[in-house]
Amino acid sequence: MPEVQKISCHCGEIELEVSHELGRLEECNCSTCARSGFIHWKVPVEAVRLVTQKRRLSVYLWRDVDGGHHFCPTCGTALLRTGYRDRISVNARCLKGVDVFTLDIARLDGRNEMPPGPEV
């Protein structure tokens, strides 16, 4: 059984548990990730459980309605990214008790490899 990892926002209003082995992590330089400092840990949707019930996450949608940047409306911490079909990207910077400087993090050139969003 995989170890349960705990994540939270800065103010502690939102806490989640992730039942999945801490594996491949990616840092991306796309326009959103570069600004938020998000480190992606993609896990199956069913591995993520909201611990602080009846709390709301705010979401910023930019490409389509099923993919977004989920963050705490109180402190602004980016916790999750959706839109990967059967996976959720958890922000590894929000892992409790884990020093991100000790983790092996791959780089993704999202700025050049992802298709551009729609013209606005």
PDB file of N, CA and C in Angstrom:
ATOM      1  N   MET A   1       0.843  -1.175   0.000  1.00  0.00           N
ATOM      2  CA  MET A   1       0.000   0.000   0.000  1.00  0.00           C
ATOM      3  C   MET A   1       0.894   1.245   0.000  1.00  0.00           C
ATOM      4  N   PRO A   2       0.610   2.222  -0.866  1.00  0.00           N
ATOM      5  CA  PRO A   2       1.447   3.417  -0.931  1.00  0.00           C
ATOM      6  C   PRO A   2       1.310   4.285   0.316  1.00  0.00           C
ATOM      7  N   GLU A   3       2.383   4.982   0.632  1.00  0.00           N
ATOM      8  CA  GLU A   3       2.370   5.905   1.756  1.00  0.00           C
ATOM      9  C   GLU A   3       1.436   7.068   1.445  1.00  0.00           C
ATOM     10  N   VAL A   4       0.732   7.536   2.454  1.00  0.00           N
ATOM     11  CA  VAL A   4      -0.167   8.676   2.280  1.00  0.00           C
ATOM     12  C   VAL A   4       0.643   9.951   2.496  1.00  0.00           C
ATOM     13  N   GLN A   5       0.633  10.810   1.483  1.00  0.00           N
ATOM     14  CA  GLN A   5       1.305  12.101   1.562  1.00  0.00           C
ATOM     15  C   GLN A   5       0.263  13.160   1.890  1.00  0.00           C
ATOM     16  N   LYS A   6       0.602  14.087   2.735  1.00  0.00           N
ATOM     17  CA  LYS A   6      -0.317  15.173   3.094  1.00  0.00           C
ATOM     18  C   LYS A   6       0.150  16.453   2.420  1.00  0.00           C
ATOM     19  N   ILE A   7      -0.827  17.204   1.892  1.00  0.00           N
ATOM     20  CA  ILE A   7      -0.518  18.506   1.313  1.00  0.00           C
ATOM     21  C   ILE A   7      -1.481  19.535   1.894  1.00  0.00           C
ATOM     22  N   SER A   8      -1.034  20.773   1.906  1.00  0.00           N
ATOM     23  CA  SER A   8      -1.902  21.848   2.376  1.00  0.00           C
ATOM     24  C   SER A   8      -1.479  23.158   1.740  1.00  0.00           C
ATOM     25  N   CYS A   9      -2.395  24.106   1.797  1.00  0.00           N
ATOM     26  CA  CYS A   9      -2.083  25.467   1.362  1.00  0.00           C
ATOM     27  C   CYS A   9      -1.301  26.147   2.485  1.00  0.00           C
ATOM     28  N   HIS A  10      -0.876  27.368   2.259  1.00  0.00           N
ATOM     29  CA  HIS A  10      -0.082  28.104   3.241  1.00  0.00           C
ATOM     30  C   HIS A  10      -0.849  28.388   4.526  1.00  0.00           C
ATOM     31  N   CYS A  11      -2.109  28.793   4.407  1.00  0.00           N
ATOM     32  CA  CYS A  11      -2.887  29.164   5.604  1.00  0.00           C
ATOM     33  C   CYS A  11      -3.505  27.958   6.311  1.00  0.00           C
ATOM     34  N   GLY A  12      -3.498  26.780   5.679  1.00  0.00           N
ATOM     35  CA  GLY A  12      -4.038  25.578   6.298  1.00  0.00           C
ATOM     36  C   GLY A  12      -5.528  25.378   6.127  1.00  0.00           C
ATOM     37  N   GLU A  13      -6.189  26.275   5.412  1.00  0.00           N
ATOM     38  CA  GLU A  13      -7.633  26.132   5.181  1.00  0.00           C
ATOM     39  C   GLU A  13      -7.966  24.901   4.357  1.00  0.00           C
ATOM     40  N   ILE A  14      -7.051  24.493   3.472  1.00  0.00           N
ATOM     41  CA  ILE A  14      -7.309  23.351   2.598  1.00  0.00           C
ATOM     42  C   ILE A  14      -6.208  22.317   2.803  1.00  0.00           C
ATOM     43  N   GLU A  15      -6.625  21.106   3.124  1.00  0.00           N
ATOM     44  CA  GLU A  15      -5.702  19.988   3.286  1.00  0.00           C
ATOM     45  C   GLU A  15      -6.209  18.819   2.467  1.00  0.00           C
ATOM     46  N   LEU A  16      -5.273  18.136   1.831  1.00  0.00           N
ATOM     47  CA  LEU A  16      -5.594  16.961   1.041  1.00  0.00           C
ATOM     48  C   LEU A  16      -4.640  15.840   1.398  1.00  0.00           C
ATOM     49  N   GLU A  17      -5.033  14.607   1.076  1.00  0.00           N
ATOM     50  CA  GLU A  17      -4.160  13.448   1.200  1.00  0.00           C
ATOM     51  C   GLU A  17      -4.019  12.817  -0.169  1.00  0.00           C
ATOM     52  N   VAL A  18      -2.813  12.339  -0.435  1.00  0.00           N
ATOM     53  CA  VAL A  18      -2.534  11.670  -1.703  1.00  0.00           C
ATOM     54  C   VAL A  18      -2.003  10.284  -1.380  1.00  0.00           C
ATOM     55  N   SER A  19      -2.745   9.255  -1.801  1.00  0.00           N
ATOM     56  CA  SER A  19      -2.336   7.872  -1.579  1.00  0.00           C
ATOM     57  C   SER A  19      -1.639   7.361  -2.835  1.00  0.00           C
ATOM     58  N   HIS A  20      -0.381   7.718  -2.960  1.00  0.00           N
ATOM     59  CA  HIS A  20       0.403   7.332  -4.137  1.00  0.00           C
ATOM     60  C   HIS A  20       1.876   7.510  -3.804  1.00  0.00           C
ATOM     61  N   GLU A  21       2.699   6.653  -4.371  1.00  0.00           N
ATOM     62  CA  GLU A  21       4.133   6.782  -4.158  1.00  0.00           C
ATOM     63  C   GLU A  21       4.625   8.075  -4.784  1.00  0.00           C
ATOM     64  N   LEU A  22       5.470   8.774  -4.060  1.00  0.00           N
ATOM     65  CA  LEU A  22       6.054   9.994  -4.591  1.00  0.00           C
ATOM     66  C   LEU A  22       7.002   9.594  -5.713  1.00  0.00           C
ATOM     67  N   GLY A  23       6.661   9.995  -6.926  1.00  0.00           N
ATOM     68  CA  GLY A  23       7.420   9.574  -8.094  1.00  0.00           C
ATOM     69  C   GLY A  23       7.896  10.742  -8.918  1.00  0.00           C
ATOM     70  N   ARG A  24       7.807  10.581 -10.215  1.00  0.00           N
ATOM     71  CA  ARG A  24       8.313  11.574 -11.161  1.00  0.00           C
ATOM     72  C   ARG A  24       7.697  12.955 -10.927  1.00  0.00           C
ATOM     73  N   LEU A  25       8.558  13.944 -10.826  1.00  0.00           N
ATOM     74  CA  LEU A  25       8.140  15.328 -10.643  1.00  0.00           C
ATOM     75  C   LEU A  25       8.641  16.143 -11.829  1.00  0.00           C
ATOM     76  N   GLU A  26       7.856  17.149 -12.208  1.00  0.00           N
ATOM     77  CA  GLU A  26       8.237  17.997 -13.331  1.00  0.00           C
ATOM     78  C   GLU A  26       8.061  19.471 -12.977  1.00  0.00           C
ATOM     79  N   GLU A  27       9.037  20.244 -13.374  1.00  0.00           N
ATOM     80  CA  GLU A  27       8.952  21.692 -13.292  1.00  0.00           C
ATOM     81  C   GLU A  27       8.782  22.185 -14.723  1.00  0.00           C
ATOM     82  N   CYS A  28       7.854  23.094 -14.937  1.00  0.00           N
ATOM     83  CA  CYS A  28       7.515  23.563 -16.276  1.00  0.00           C
ATOM     84  C   CYS A  28       7.748  25.067 -16.378  1.00  0.00           C
ATOM     85  N   ASN A  29       8.097  25.520 -17.571  1.00  0.00           N
ATOM     86  CA  ASN A  29       8.335  26.949 -17.772  1.00  0.00           C
ATOM     87  C   ASN A  29       7.246  27.620 -18.605  1.00  0.00           C
ATOM     88  N   CYS A  30       6.047  26.994 -18.679  1.00  0.00           N
ATOM     89  CA  CYS A  30       4.947  27.636 -19.408  1.00  0.00           C
ATOM     90  C   CYS A  30       4.544  28.916 -18.674  1.00  0.00           C
ATOM     91  N   SER A  31       3.697  29.702 -19.284  1.00  0.00           N
ATOM     92  CA  SER A  31       3.343  31.005 -18.713  1.00  0.00           C
ATOM     93  C   SER A  31       2.694  30.897 -17.328  1.00  0.00           C
ATOM     94  N   THR A  32       1.946  29.843 -17.063  1.00  0.00           N
ATOM     95  CA  THR A  32       1.286  29.702 -15.766  1.00  0.00           C
ATOM     96  C   THR A  32       2.235  29.138 -14.713  1.00  0.00           C
ATOM     97  N   CYS A  33       2.915  28.046 -15.031  1.00  0.00           N
ATOM     98  CA  CYS A  33       3.814  27.404 -14.059  1.00  0.00           C
ATOM     99  C   CYS A  33       4.983  28.307 -13.683  1.00  0.00           C
ATOM    100  N   ALA A  34       5.516  29.037 -14.658  1.00  0.00           N
ATOM    101  CA  ALA A  34       6.644  29.929 -14.377  1.00  0.00           C
ATOM    102  C   ALA A  34       6.261  30.988 -13.353  1.00  0.00           C
ATOM    103  N   ARG A  35       5.021  31.433 -13.396  1.00  0.00           N
ATOM    104  CA  ARG A  35       4.574  32.468 -12.463  1.00  0.00           C
ATOM    105  C   ARG A  35       4.206  31.910 -11.089  1.00  0.00           C
ATOM    106  N   SER A  36       3.718  30.674 -11.041  1.00  0.00           N
ATOM    107  CA  SER A  36       3.258  30.120  -9.763  1.00  0.00           C
ATOM    108  C   SER A  36       4.294  29.258  -9.058  1.00  0.00           C
ATOM    109  N   GLY A  37       5.331  28.806  -9.768  1.00  0.00           N
ATOM    110  CA  GLY A  37       6.333  27.936  -9.156  1.00  0.00           C
ATOM    111  C   GLY A  37       5.846  26.512  -8.950  1.00  0.00           C
ATOM    112  N   PHE A  38       4.803  26.116  -9.657  1.00  0.00           N
ATOM    113  CA  PHE A  38       4.179  24.799  -9.517  1.00  0.00           C
ATOM    114  C   PHE A  38       5.175  23.689  -9.892  1.00  0.00           C
ATOM    115  N   ILE A  39       5.287  22.668  -9.053  1.00  0.00           N
ATOM    116  CA  ILE A  39       6.061  21.459  -9.377  1.00  0.00           C
ATOM    117  C   ILE A  39       5.063  20.320  -9.490  1.00  0.00           C
ATOM    118  N   HIS A  40       4.934  19.747 -10.675  1.00  0.00           N
ATOM    119  CA  HIS A  40       3.911  18.746 -10.973  1.00  0.00           C
ATOM    120  C   HIS A  40       4.269  17.357 -10.453  1.00  0.00           C
ATOM    121  N   TRP A  41       3.317  16.780  -9.734  1.00  0.00           N
ATOM    122  CA  TRP A  41       3.354  15.369  -9.343  1.00  0.00           C
ATOM    123  C   TRP A  41       2.022  14.806  -9.815  1.00  0.00           C
ATOM    124  N   LYS A  42       2.043  14.124 -10.949  1.00  0.00           N
ATOM    125  CA  LYS A  42       0.793  13.638 -11.543  1.00  0.00           C
ATOM    126  C   LYS A  42       0.432  12.277 -10.965  1.00  0.00           C
ATOM    127  N   VAL A  43      -0.780  12.211 -10.414  1.00  0.00           N
ATOM    128  CA  VAL A  43      -1.265  11.012  -9.742  1.00  0.00           C
ATOM    129  C   VAL A  43      -2.658  10.667 -10.257  1.00  0.00           C
ATOM    130  N   PRO A  44      -3.110   9.418 -10.085  1.00  0.00           N
ATOM    131  CA  PRO A  44      -4.484   9.072 -10.478  1.00  0.00           C
ATOM    132  C   PRO A  44      -5.500   9.899  -9.684  1.00  0.00           C
ATOM    133  N   VAL A  45      -6.595  10.258 -10.326  1.00  0.00           N
ATOM    134  CA  VAL A  45      -7.642  11.067  -9.686  1.00  0.00           C
ATOM    135  C   VAL A  45      -8.082  10.444  -8.368  1.00  0.00           C
ATOM    136  N   GLU A  46      -8.262   9.138  -8.350  1.00  0.00           N
ATOM    137  CA  GLU A  46      -8.769   8.468  -7.143  1.00  0.00           C
ATOM    138  C   GLU A  46      -7.759   8.459  -5.996  1.00  0.00           C
ATOM    139  N   ALA A  47      -6.516   8.870  -6.231  1.00  0.00           N
ATOM    140  CA  ALA A  47      -5.503   8.898  -5.181  1.00  0.00           C
ATOM    141  C   ALA A  47      -5.590  10.156  -4.316  1.00  0.00           C
ATOM    142  N   VAL A  48      -6.382  11.146  -4.740  1.00  0.00           N
ATOM    143  CA  VAL A  48      -6.464  12.427  -4.032  1.00  0.00           C
ATOM    144  C   VAL A  48      -7.770  12.504  -3.250  1.00  0.00           C
ATOM    145  N   ARG A  49      -7.646  12.866  -1.967  1.00  0.00           N
ATOM    146  CA  ARG A  49      -8.825  12.982  -1.106  1.00  0.00           C
ATOM    147  C   ARG A  49      -8.766  14.298  -0.341  1.00  0.00           C
ATOM    148  N   LEU A  50      -9.860  15.061  -0.372  1.00  0.00           N
ATOM    149  CA  LEU A  50      -9.980  16.294   0.387  1.00  0.00           C
ATOM    150  C   LEU A  50     -10.176  15.945   1.852  1.00  0.00           C
ATOM    151  N   VAL A  51      -9.327  16.454   2.717  1.00  0.00           N
ATOM    152  CA  VAL A  51      -9.419  16.188   4.156  1.00  0.00           C
ATOM    153  C   VAL A  51     -10.293  17.233   4.832  1.00  0.00           C
ATOM    154  N   THR A  52     -10.103  18.485   4.494  1.00  0.00           N
ATOM    155  CA  THR A  52     -10.883  19.568   5.087  1.00  0.00           C
ATOM    156  C   THR A  52     -12.193  19.698   4.323  1.00  0.00           C
ATOM    157  N   GLN A  53     -13.170  18.970   4.768  1.00  0.00           N
ATOM    158  CA  GLN A  53     -14.466  18.960   4.109  1.00  0.00           C
ATOM    159  C   GLN A  53     -15.122  20.338   4.150  1.00  0.00           C
ATOM    160  N   LYS A  54     -15.991  20.567   3.201  1.00  0.00           N
ATOM    161  CA  LYS A  54     -16.766  21.797   3.088  1.00  0.00           C
ATOM    162  C   LYS A  54     -15.885  23.029   2.907  1.00  0.00           C
ATOM    163  N   ARG A  55     -14.733  22.833   2.333  1.00  0.00           N
ATOM    164  CA  ARG A  55     -13.869  23.953   1.972  1.00  0.00           C
ATOM    165  C   ARG A  55     -13.938  24.086   0.468  1.00  0.00           C
ATOM    166  N   ARG A  56     -13.748  25.287   0.004  1.00  0.00           N
ATOM    167  CA  ARG A  56     -13.811  25.476  -1.431  1.00  0.00           C
ATOM    168  C   ARG A  56     -12.449  25.823  -1.990  1.00  0.00           C
ATOM    169  N   LEU A  57     -12.195  25.320  -3.158  1.00  0.00           N
ATOM    170  CA  LEU A  57     -11.017  25.697  -3.924  1.00  0.00           C
ATOM    171  C   LEU A  57     -11.477  26.673  -4.987  1.00  0.00           C
ATOM    172  N   SER A  58     -10.705  27.681  -5.238  1.00  0.00           N
ATOM    173  CA  SER A  58     -10.989  28.555  -6.369  1.00  0.00           C
ATOM    174  C   SER A  58     -10.287  27.954  -7.578  1.00  0.00           C
ATOM    175  N   VAL A  59     -10.795  28.261  -8.754  1.00  0.00           N
ATOM    176  CA  VAL A  59     -10.195  27.700  -9.959  1.00  0.00           C
ATOM    177  C   VAL A  59     -10.057  28.768 -11.025  1.00  0.00           C
ATOM    178  N   TYR A  60      -8.942  28.721 -11.704  1.00  0.00           N
ATOM    179  CA  TYR A  60      -8.698  29.588 -12.847  1.00  0.00           C
ATOM    180  C   TYR A  60      -8.668  28.685 -14.075  1.00  0.00           C
ATOM    181  N   LEU A  61      -9.614  28.886 -14.990  1.00  0.00           N
ATOM    182  CA  LEU A  61      -9.691  28.098 -16.221  1.00  0.00           C
ATOM    183  C   LEU A  61      -9.135  28.938 -17.360  1.00  0.00           C
ATOM    184  N   TRP A  62      -8.297  28.311 -18.211  1.00  0.00           N
ATOM    185  CA  TRP A  62      -7.752  29.109 -19.300  1.00  0.00           C
ATOM    186  C   TRP A  62      -7.819  28.459 -20.664  1.00  0.00           C
ATOM    187  N   ARG A  63      -7.764  27.188 -20.795  1.00  0.00           N
ATOM    188  CA  ARG A  63      -7.812  26.560 -22.120  1.00  0.00           C
ATOM    189  C   ARG A  63      -9.163  25.916 -22.406  1.00  0.00           C
ATOM    190  N   ASP A  64      -9.724  25.265 -21.409  1.00  0.00           N
ATOM    191  CA  ASP A  64     -10.999  24.581 -21.575  1.00  0.00           C
ATOM    192  C   ASP A  64     -11.667  24.445 -20.214  1.00  0.00           C
ATOM    193  N   VAL A  65     -12.903  23.981 -20.193  1.00  0.00           N
ATOM    194  CA  VAL A  65     -13.648  23.948 -18.931  1.00  0.00           C
ATOM    195  C   VAL A  65     -13.265  22.805 -18.005  1.00  0.00           C
ATOM    196  N   ASP A  66     -12.549  21.796 -18.483  1.00  0.00           N
ATOM    197  CA  ASP A  66     -12.210  20.689 -17.587  1.00  0.00           C
ATOM    198  C   ASP A  66     -10.768  20.743 -17.084  1.00  0.00           C
ATOM    199  N   GLY A  67     -10.006  21.733 -17.480  1.00  0.00           N
ATOM    200  CA  GLY A  67      -8.625  21.835 -17.020  1.00  0.00           C
ATOM    201  C   GLY A  67      -8.396  23.164 -16.347  1.00  0.00           C
ATOM    202  N   GLY A  68      -7.920  23.129 -15.128  1.00  0.00           N
ATOM    203  CA  GLY A  68      -7.728  24.395 -14.447  1.00  0.00           C
ATOM    204  C   GLY A  68      -6.677  24.358 -13.368  1.00  0.00           C
ATOM    205  N   HIS A  69      -6.437  25.511 -12.834  1.00  0.00           N
ATOM    206  CA  HIS A  69      -5.458  25.784 -11.796  1.00  0.00           C
ATOM    207  C   HIS A  69      -6.268  26.007 -10.520  1.00  0.00           C
ATOM    208  N   HIS A  70      -6.197  25.076  -9.569  1.00  0.00           N
ATOM    209  CA  HIS A  70      -7.003  25.126  -8.346  1.00  0.00           C
ATOM    210  C   HIS A  70      -6.154  25.672  -7.195  1.00  0.00           C
ATOM    211  N   PHE A  71      -6.685  26.675  -6.512  1.00  0.00           N
ATOM    212  CA  PHE A  71      -5.909  27.338  -5.477  1.00  0.00           C
ATOM    213  C   PHE A  71      -6.801  27.743  -4.311  1.00  0.00           C
ATOM    214  N   CYS A  72      -6.161  28.013  -3.173  1.00  0.00           N
ATOM    215  CA  CYS A  72      -6.890  28.446  -1.980  1.00  0.00           C
ATOM    216  C   CYS A  72      -7.326  29.891  -2.170  1.00  0.00           C
ATOM    217  N   PRO A  73      -8.617  30.186  -1.958  1.00  0.00           N
ATOM    218  CA  PRO A  73      -9.083  31.557  -2.128  1.00  0.00           C
ATOM    219  C   PRO A  73      -8.625  32.494  -1.005  1.00  0.00           C
ATOM    220  N   THR A  74      -8.127  31.943   0.087  1.00  0.00           N
ATOM    221  CA  THR A  74      -7.677  32.766   1.200  1.00  0.00           C
ATOM    222  C   THR A  74      -6.214  33.191   1.040  1.00  0.00           C
ATOM    223  N   CYS A  75      -5.312  32.205   0.844  1.00  0.00           N
ATOM    224  CA  CYS A  75      -3.882  32.534   0.778  1.00  0.00           C
ATOM    225  C   CYS A  75      -3.321  32.517  -0.640  1.00  0.00           C
ATOM    226  N   GLY A  76      -4.084  31.984  -1.597  1.00  0.00           N
ATOM    227  CA  GLY A  76      -3.653  31.994  -2.992  1.00  0.00           C
ATOM    228  C   GLY A  76      -2.734  30.858  -3.403  1.00  0.00           C
ATOM    229  N   THR A  77      -2.441  29.922  -2.514  1.00  0.00           N
ATOM    230  CA  THR A  77      -1.534  28.828  -2.837  1.00  0.00           C
ATOM    231  C   THR A  77      -2.130  27.910  -3.899  1.00  0.00           C
ATOM    232  N   ALA A  78      -1.344  27.647  -4.952  1.00  0.00           N
ATOM    233  CA  ALA A  78      -1.755  26.720  -6.011  1.00  0.00           C
ATOM    234  C   ALA A  78      -1.554  25.297  -5.515  1.00  0.00           C
ATOM    235  N   LEU A  79      -2.633  24.511  -5.491  1.00  0.00           N
ATOM    236  CA  LEU A  79      -2.566  23.148  -4.963  1.00  0.00           C
ATOM    237  C   LEU A  79      -2.634  22.077  -6.035  1.00  0.00           C
ATOM    238  N   LEU A  80      -3.518  22.257  -7.016  1.00  0.00           N
ATOM    239  CA  LEU A  80      -3.798  21.211  -7.998  1.00  0.00           C
ATOM    240  C   LEU A  80      -3.940  21.790  -9.393  1.00  0.00           C
ATOM    241  N   ARG A  81      -3.706  20.931 -10.389  1.00  0.00           N
ATOM    242  CA  ARG A  81      -4.029  21.233 -11.771  1.00  0.00           C
ATOM    243  C   ARG A  81      -4.838  20.059 -12.304  1.00  0.00           C
ATOM    244  N   THR A  82      -5.904  20.363 -13.009  1.00  0.00           N
ATOM    245  CA  THR A  82      -6.729  19.326 -13.622  1.00  0.00           C
ATOM    246  C   THR A  82      -6.709  19.497 -15.135  1.00  0.00           C
ATOM    247  N   GLY A  83      -7.295  18.523 -15.826  1.00  0.00           N
ATOM    248  CA  GLY A  83      -7.337  18.571 -17.275  1.00  0.00           C
ATOM    249  C   GLY A  83      -6.461  17.521 -17.921  1.00  0.00           C
ATOM    250  N   TYR A  84      -5.995  16.567 -17.126  1.00  0.00           N
ATOM    251  CA  TYR A  84      -5.133  15.497 -17.621  1.00  0.00           C
ATOM    252  C   TYR A  84      -5.895  14.174 -17.723  1.00  0.00           C
ATOM    253  N   ARG A  85      -7.183  14.250 -17.975  1.00  0.00           N
ATOM    254  CA  ARG A  85      -8.092  13.105 -18.079  1.00  0.00           C
ATOM    255  C   ARG A  85      -8.169  12.334 -16.767  1.00  0.00           C
ATOM    256  N   ASP A  86      -7.429  11.248 -16.621  1.00  0.00           N
ATOM    257  CA  ASP A  86      -7.548  10.388 -15.440  1.00  0.00           C
ATOM    258  C   ASP A  86      -6.509  10.710 -14.355  1.00  0.00           C
ATOM    259  N   ARG A  87      -5.844  11.843 -14.481  1.00  0.00           N
ATOM    260  CA  ARG A  87      -4.810  12.215 -13.523  1.00  0.00           C
ATOM    261  C   ARG A  87      -5.035  13.644 -13.015  1.00  0.00           C
ATOM    262  N   ILE A  88      -4.488  13.896 -11.856  1.00  0.00           N
ATOM    263  CA  ILE A  88      -4.477  15.234 -11.266  1.00  0.00           C
ATOM    264  C   ILE A  88      -3.017  15.566 -11.007  1.00  0.00           C
ATOM    265  N   SER A  89      -2.650  16.782 -11.256  1.00  0.00           N
ATOM    266  CA  SER A  89      -1.299  17.222 -10.933  1.00  0.00           C
ATOM    267  C   SER A  89      -1.336  17.936  -9.594  1.00  0.00           C
ATOM    268  N   VAL A  90      -0.604  17.388  -8.650  1.00  0.00           N
ATOM    269  CA  VAL A  90      -0.518  17.943  -7.302  1.00  0.00           C
ATOM    270  C   VAL A  90       0.757  18.788  -7.236  1.00  0.00           C
ATOM    271  N   ASN A  91       0.681  19.938  -6.591  1.00  0.00           N
ATOM    272  CA  ASN A  91       1.855  20.790  -6.446  1.00  0.00           C
ATOM    273  C   ASN A  91       2.758  20.219  -5.356  1.00  0.00           C
ATOM    274  N   ALA A  92       3.901  19.661  -5.754  1.00  0.00           N
ATOM    275  CA  ALA A  92       4.825  19.045  -4.800  1.00  0.00           C
ATOM    276  C   ALA A  92       5.366  20.050  -3.789  1.00  0.00           C
ATOM    277  N   ARG A  93       5.298  21.337  -4.105  1.00  0.00           N
ATOM    278  CA  ARG A  93       5.730  22.355  -3.139  1.00  0.00           C
ATOM    279  C   ARG A  93       4.819  22.407  -1.919  1.00  0.00           C
ATOM    280  N   CYS A  94       3.642  21.805  -2.003  1.00  0.00           N
ATOM    281  CA  CYS A  94       2.681  21.814  -0.904  1.00  0.00           C
ATOM    282  C   CYS A  94       2.758  20.565  -0.030  1.00  0.00           C
ATOM    283  N   LEU A  95       3.698  19.659  -0.314  1.00  0.00           N
ATOM    284  CA  LEU A  95       3.848  18.457   0.492  1.00  0.00           C
ATOM    285  C   LEU A  95       4.332  18.821   1.890  1.00  0.00           C
ATOM    286  N   LYS A  96       3.621  18.326   2.883  1.00  0.00           N
ATOM    287  CA  LYS A  96       4.007  18.581   4.273  1.00  0.00           C
ATOM    288  C   LYS A  96       5.211  17.712   4.641  1.00  0.00           C
ATOM    289  N   GLY A  97       6.201  18.324   5.260  1.00  0.00           N
ATOM    290  CA  GLY A  97       7.352  17.580   5.754  1.00  0.00           C
ATOM    291  C   GLY A  97       8.332  17.137   4.687  1.00  0.00           C
ATOM    292  N   VAL A  98       8.237  17.676   3.474  1.00  0.00           N
ATOM    293  CA  VAL A  98       9.144  17.303   2.392  1.00  0.00           C
ATOM    294  C   VAL A  98       9.880  18.552   1.925  1.00  0.00           C
ATOM    295  N   ASP A  99      11.204  18.467   1.897  1.00  0.00           N
ATOM    296  CA  ASP A  99      12.027  19.563   1.394  1.00  0.00           C
ATOM    297  C   ASP A  99      12.180  19.379  -0.110  1.00  0.00           C
ATOM    298  N   VAL A 100      11.582  20.255  -0.900  1.00  0.00           N
ATOM    299  CA  VAL A 100      11.626  20.096  -2.360  1.00  0.00           C
ATOM    300  C   VAL A 100      13.049  20.158  -2.902  1.00  0.00           C
ATOM    301  N   PHE A 101      13.992  20.740  -2.169  1.00  0.00           N
ATOM    302  CA  PHE A 101      15.374  20.788  -2.630  1.00  0.00           C
ATOM    303  C   PHE A 101      16.021  19.406  -2.635  1.00  0.00           C
ATOM    304  N   THR A 102      15.407  18.425  -1.951  1.00  0.00           N
ATOM    305  CA  THR A 102      15.957  17.066  -1.919  1.00  0.00           C
ATOM    306  C   THR A 102      15.350  16.163  -2.991  1.00  0.00           C
ATOM    307  N   LEU A 103      14.391  16.669  -3.756  1.00  0.00           N
ATOM    308  CA  LEU A 103      13.677  15.852  -4.739  1.00  0.00           C
ATOM    309  C   LEU A 103      14.313  15.939  -6.120  1.00  0.00           C
ATOM    310  N   ASP A 104      14.185  14.850  -6.872  1.00  0.00           N
ATOM    311  CA  ASP A 104      14.661  14.809  -8.251  1.00  0.00           C
ATOM    312  C   ASP A 104      13.539  15.349  -9.140  1.00  0.00           C
ATOM    313  N   ILE A 105      13.774  16.490  -9.754  1.00  0.00           N
ATOM    314  CA  ILE A 105      12.744  17.166 -10.534  1.00  0.00           C
ATOM    315  C   ILE A 105      13.214  17.333 -11.971  1.00  0.00           C
ATOM    316  N   ALA A 106      12.435  16.762 -12.904  1.00  0.00           N
ATOM    317  CA  ALA A 106      12.739  16.899 -14.333  1.00  0.00           C
ATOM    318  C   ALA A 106      12.196  18.232 -14.830  1.00  0.00           C
ATOM    319  N   ARG A 107      12.736  18.701 -15.919  1.00  0.00           N
ATOM    320  CA  ARG A 107      12.255  19.959 -16.506  1.00  0.00           C
ATOM    321  C   ARG A 107      11.465  19.679 -17.771  1.00  0.00           C
ATOM    322  N   LEU A 108      10.357  20.403 -17.925  1.00  0.00           N
ATOM    323  CA  LEU A 108       9.503  20.317 -19.103  1.00  0.00           C
ATOM    324  C   LEU A 108       9.483  21.689 -19.752  1.00  0.00           C
ATOM    325  N   ASP A 109       9.798  21.749 -21.044  1.00  0.00           N
ATOM    326  CA  ASP A 109       9.803  23.011 -21.770  1.00  0.00           C
ATOM    327  C   ASP A 109       8.405  23.305 -22.300  1.00  0.00           C
ATOM    328  N   GLY A 110       7.490  23.608 -21.383  1.00  0.00           N
ATOM    329  CA  GLY A 110       6.112  23.883 -21.749  1.00  0.00           C
ATOM    330  C   GLY A 110       5.954  25.151 -22.567  1.00  0.00           C
ATOM    331  N   ARG A 111       6.854  26.082 -22.380  1.00  0.00           N
ATOM    332  CA  ARG A 111       6.800  27.337 -23.134  1.00  0.00           C
ATOM    333  C   ARG A 111       6.895  27.075 -24.639  1.00  0.00           C
ATOM    334  N   ASN A 112       7.703  26.088 -25.035  1.00  0.00           N
ATOM    335  CA  ASN A 112       7.912  25.811 -26.455  1.00  0.00           C
ATOM    336  C   ASN A 112       7.226  24.543 -26.951  1.00  0.00           C
ATOM    337  N   GLU A 113       6.912  23.612 -26.047  1.00  0.00           N
ATOM    338  CA  GLU A 113       6.356  22.326 -26.473  1.00  0.00           C
ATOM    339  C   GLU A 113       4.838  22.229 -26.403  1.00  0.00           C
ATOM    340  N   MET A 114       4.188  23.099 -25.623  1.00  0.00           N
ATOM    341  CA  MET A 114       2.724  23.047 -25.536  1.00  0.00           C
ATOM    342  C   MET A 114       2.122  23.936 -26.600  1.00  0.00           C
ATOM    343  N   PRO A 115       0.996  23.509 -27.164  1.00  0.00           N
ATOM    344  CA  PRO A 115       0.346  24.374 -28.156  1.00  0.00           C
ATOM    345  C   PRO A 115      -0.178  25.633 -27.479  1.00  0.00           C
ATOM    346  N   PRO A 116      -0.193  26.736 -28.204  1.00  0.00           N
ATOM    347  CA  PRO A 116      -0.709  27.978 -27.611  1.00  0.00           C
ATOM    348  C   PRO A 116      -2.202  27.882 -27.353  1.00  0.00           C
ATOM    349  N   GLY A 117      -2.657  28.669 -26.426  1.00  0.00           N
ATOM    350  CA  GLY A 117      -4.089  28.737 -26.128  1.00  0.00           C
ATOM    351  C   GLY A 117      -4.792  29.559 -27.205  1.00  0.00           C
ATOM    352  N   PRO A 118      -6.103  29.680 -27.100  1.00  0.00           N
ATOM    353  CA  PRO A 118      -6.870  30.439 -28.082  1.00  0.00           C
ATOM    354  C   PRO A 118      -6.531  31.916 -28.045  1.00  0.00           C
ATOM    355  N   GLU A 119      -6.667  32.556 -29.177  1.00  0.00           N
ATOM    356  CA  GLU A 119      -6.466  34.011 -29.256  1.00  0.00           C
ATOM    357  C   GLU A 119      -7.585  34.703 -28.505  1.00  0.00           C
ATOM    358  N   VAL A 120      -7.276  35.735 -27.762  1.00  0.00           N
ATOM    359  CA  VAL A 120      -8.296  36.479 -27.019  1.00  0.00           C
ATOM    360  C   VAL A 120      -8.367  37.906 -27.468  1.00  0.00           C
TER     361      VAL A 120
END
